[in-house]
């Protein structure tokens, strides 16, 4: 099977998320100044923002809710409120700088939500023809935008429908896409009623310097580590055991790097983690 090596610069987005045993805001877990740094990155990643979180439905069962906006998150009071003053047991948030040729509209804004799952991606799986062919027609009909990221999410959901656990479904999707697209970033956050999953898979992805230049933002004003280690993702444990995931751009002093080419699952009932390296993915049980 051939490997696609075109179009690997991809979209330039930022990810953050957390899980806790109690209801907290992201600001309570990592600090309000960190949230300010995250929101300030929407000066660059300015093509929309979104967030998904866990709440209880009328029967008391956990369910995923979301808000998405195609407007810039810079100065947006709703984005700040979602980071600082809206508690939940788990939340993910995304800032988008659209890939070239991808329209800025709500349907293309992350996180995507379907089947009580929410998904946000930082990368570009381009050209998307092989990815689209991997997704069965019944799942392609549920894709409402025109991004490769939503196809990536559809592939994970397809694996879940086939009877795999959410972790197994994600690992298998990442491994399959990685085989066909060796250079792309598959970094992602996935939130379900029982798990928060972080994907750090971008070992060979080049830093998208051209997208930074095209933004018009002076080099001196680019967010932290954007020109040195853009696709790195880290994790942080608070004193009460809550765990946060983030891409670079906030102050990561005291954070640890998520293993490259791996998928990390957090059990929302216990906050225990399970890390699966792609090279050992075949040994994971369903």
Foldseek 3Di string as FASTA:
>chain_A
DAADAPPAQFWQKKKKKWAALDWDALCVFPNLQLVVLVLVLLLQLFQWKKKKAWDADPVRAIFIDMDIDRGGSNVPPVSSCRRHPGIGRMMMMMRTDHDPPFDRDRLPYAQDDDPRKTKDWGKALPPCPVLQVLADPVLVVVRDGPGSRSSLVSQLVVQVVVPDDSQLSNLVSLLVSCVRHVAMFGFMWMDHSWKIKTAAEHPRHDQNVVSSVVSVDDPVPNAPCSNPCQRWKWKAAGPNGMMMIITDRGDQVRIGTDDYQWMWMAGNNPRDIDIGHSVRSVVDDD
